[in-house]
């Protein structure tokens, strides 16, 4: 009796850890159909199939890293929410910083060009017209 109870507790405990591990993996993998949703958040049929594959592989005793590698091999690095820093993902990691630097460079160039622009004084006719528009006397 005690042995059966102990076995049942072990099965329940391992099922709980399998569910926790499946939830953790599902939260770290991207749904390939949905835009910017994890497998855990998605209701797409493909996401349900991927979650089922995770459960099956965990039940077979595979590690979380082996399962991540399986999905990455099948779907590419895009399937991970934290893709590794490698040549194929450099644009993903560095792109925002490059665009930000390009924006600052363009802004600096425009502002510095604006400050260097030669200011030509108004002609007497332009000064008179400006004074008339402003309601003041011409110099």
Protein backbone atom coordinates (compact mmCIF):
# COMPACT_ATOMS: atom_id res chain seq x y z
CA UNK A 1 0.00 0.00 0.00
CA UNK A 2 2.74 2.45 0.96
CA UNK A 3 4.73 1.51 -2.12
CA UNK A 4 1.78 2.20 -4.43
CA UNK A 5 1.13 5.50 -2.68
CA UNK A 6 4.78 6.49 -3.01
CA UNK A 7 4.76 5.58 -6.72
CA UNK A 8 1.58 7.61 -7.27
CA UNK A 9 3.16 10.61 -5.53
CA UNK A 10 6.30 10.25 -7.67
CA UNK A 11 4.21 10.14 -10.86
CA UNK A 12 2.22 13.20 -9.75
CA UNK A 13 5.42 15.07 -8.86
CA UNK A 14 7.10 14.23 -12.16
CA UNK A 15 3.94 15.22 -14.07
CA UNK A 16 3.99 18.56 -12.25
CA UNK A 17 7.59 19.16 -13.18
CA UNK A 18 6.91 18.08 -16.77
CA UNK A 19 4.05 20.58 -16.94
CA UNK A 20 6.25 23.30 -15.47
CA UNK A 21 9.07 22.53 -17.90
CA UNK A 22 6.62 22.45 -20.82
CA UNK A 23 5.19 25.82 -19.75
CA UNK A 24 8.69 27.29 -19.45
CA UNK A 25 9.72 26.04 -22.89
CA UNK A 26 6.42 27.18 -24.44
CA UNK A 27 6.98 30.66 -23.01
CA UNK A 28 10.47 30.85 -24.57
CA UNK A 29 9.55 29.63 -28.06
CA UNK A 30 7.78 31.71 -30.71
CA UNK A 31 4.64 30.60 -32.50
CA UNK A 32 5.54 30.34 -36.17
CA UNK A 33 2.03 31.32 -37.33
CA UNK A 34 1.13 34.16 -34.96
CA UNK A 35 2.78 37.52 -34.86
CA UNK A 36 4.88 38.02 -31.76
CA UNK A 37 3.20 35.40 -29.58
CA UNK A 38 4.77 32.61 -27.62
CA UNK A 39 3.61 29.01 -27.94
CA UNK A 40 2.02 29.38 -24.51
CA UNK A 41 -0.05 32.40 -25.63
CA UNK A 42 -1.06 31.14 -29.06
CA UNK A 43 -4.27 29.29 -29.90
CA UNK A 44 -3.10 28.37 -33.41
CA UNK A 45 -3.24 24.66 -34.33
CA UNK A 46 0.49 24.67 -35.11
CA UNK A 47 1.23 26.04 -31.64
CA UNK A 48 -0.87 23.27 -30.08
CA UNK A 49 1.08 20.70 -32.12
CA UNK A 50 4.38 22.25 -31.04
CA UNK A 51 3.32 22.18 -27.37
CA UNK A 52 2.34 18.51 -27.81
CA UNK A 53 5.79 17.78 -29.28
CA UNK A 54 7.39 19.47 -26.27
CA UNK A 55 5.33 17.31 -23.88
CA UNK A 56 6.20 14.14 -25.79
CA UNK A 57 9.90 14.92 -25.89
CA UNK A 58 9.95 15.79 -22.18
CA UNK A 59 8.18 12.50 -21.43
CA UNK A 60 10.89 10.70 -23.45
CA UNK A 61 13.48 12.24 -21.13
CA UNK A 62 15.00 14.84 -23.43
CA UNK A 63 16.51 17.94 -21.86
CA UNK A 64 15.18 21.44 -22.42
CA UNK A 65 18.29 22.30 -24.44
CA UNK A 66 17.78 19.27 -26.69
CA UNK A 67 14.17 20.31 -27.32
CA UNK A 68 15.20 23.92 -28.05
CA UNK A 69 17.84 22.63 -30.46
CA UNK A 70 15.23 20.42 -32.16
CA UNK A 71 12.89 23.35 -32.76
CA UNK A 72 15.75 25.63 -33.80
CA UNK A 73 16.97 23.05 -36.29
CA UNK A 74 13.46 22.65 -37.67
CA UNK A 75 12.32 26.30 -37.73
CA UNK A 76 15.56 28.31 -37.50
CA UNK A 77 16.80 30.71 -34.81
CA UNK A 78 13.65 32.83 -35.26
CA UNK A 79 11.69 30.28 -33.20
CA UNK A 80 13.52 31.44 -30.06
CA UNK A 81 12.52 34.65 -28.33
CA UNK A 82 16.17 35.15 -27.42
CA UNK A 83 18.00 34.23 -30.63
CA UNK A 84 21.74 33.65 -30.23
CA UNK A 85 24.24 36.28 -31.37
CA UNK A 86 25.60 34.75 -34.57
CA UNK A 87 26.21 36.01 -38.13
CA UNK A 88 22.67 35.24 -39.28
CA UNK A 89 21.17 37.27 -36.42
CA UNK A 90 23.57 40.23 -36.34
CA UNK A 91 21.08 42.44 -38.14
CA UNK A 92 18.41 41.50 -35.61
CA UNK A 93 20.65 42.40 -32.65
CA UNK A 94 22.55 45.37 -34.11
CA UNK A 95 19.96 46.80 -36.52
CA UNK A 96 18.17 49.04 -34.00
CA UNK A 97 21.48 50.53 -32.80
CA UNK A 98 22.67 51.12 -36.38
CA UNK A 99 19.40 52.88 -37.22
CA UNK A 100 19.64 54.98 -34.06
CA UNK A 101 23.22 55.99 -34.88
CA UNK A 102 22.22 56.83 -38.47
CA UNK A 103 19.38 59.01 -37.16
CA UNK A 104 21.72 60.89 -34.82
CA UNK A 105 24.26 61.35 -37.62
CA UNK A 106 21.58 62.73 -39.97
CA UNK A 107 20.26 65.06 -37.27
CA UNK A 108 23.79 66.30 -36.47
CA UNK A 109 24.52 66.89 -40.14
CA UNK A 110 21.31 68.83 -40.69
CA UNK A 111 21.81 70.97 -37.60
CA UNK A 112 25.46 71.67 -38.31
CA UNK A 113 24.66 72.59 -41.93
CA UNK A 114 21.93 74.90 -40.71
CA UNK A 115 24.36 76.64 -38.32
CA UNK A 116 27.03 77.04 -41.03
CA UNK A 117 24.65 78.52 -43.58
CA UNK A 118 25.69 82.04 -44.48
CA UNK A 119 23.18 84.63 -43.40
CA UNK A 120 22.79 87.42 -45.91
CA UNK A 121 21.61 90.76 -44.58
CA UNK A 122 18.31 92.19 -45.79
CA UNK A 123 18.39 94.78 -48.53
CA UNK A 124 17.00 98.23 -47.67
CA UNK A 125 13.84 97.41 -49.67
CA UNK A 126 13.35 94.16 -47.70
CA UNK A 127 13.95 96.00 -44.42
CA UNK A 128 11.31 98.60 -45.33
CA UNK A 129 8.81 95.91 -46.26
CA UNK A 130 9.46 94.00 -43.02
CA UNK A 131 9.05 97.17 -40.99
CA UNK A 132 5.77 97.93 -42.78
CA UNK A 133 4.48 94.42 -42.10
CA UNK A 134 5.48 94.63 -38.44
CA UNK A 135 4.03 98.10 -38.07
CA UNK A 136 7.32 99.73 -37.11
CA UNK A 137 9.58 102.31 -38.62
CA UNK A 138 12.31 101.40 -41.08
CA UNK A 139 15.90 101.96 -39.78
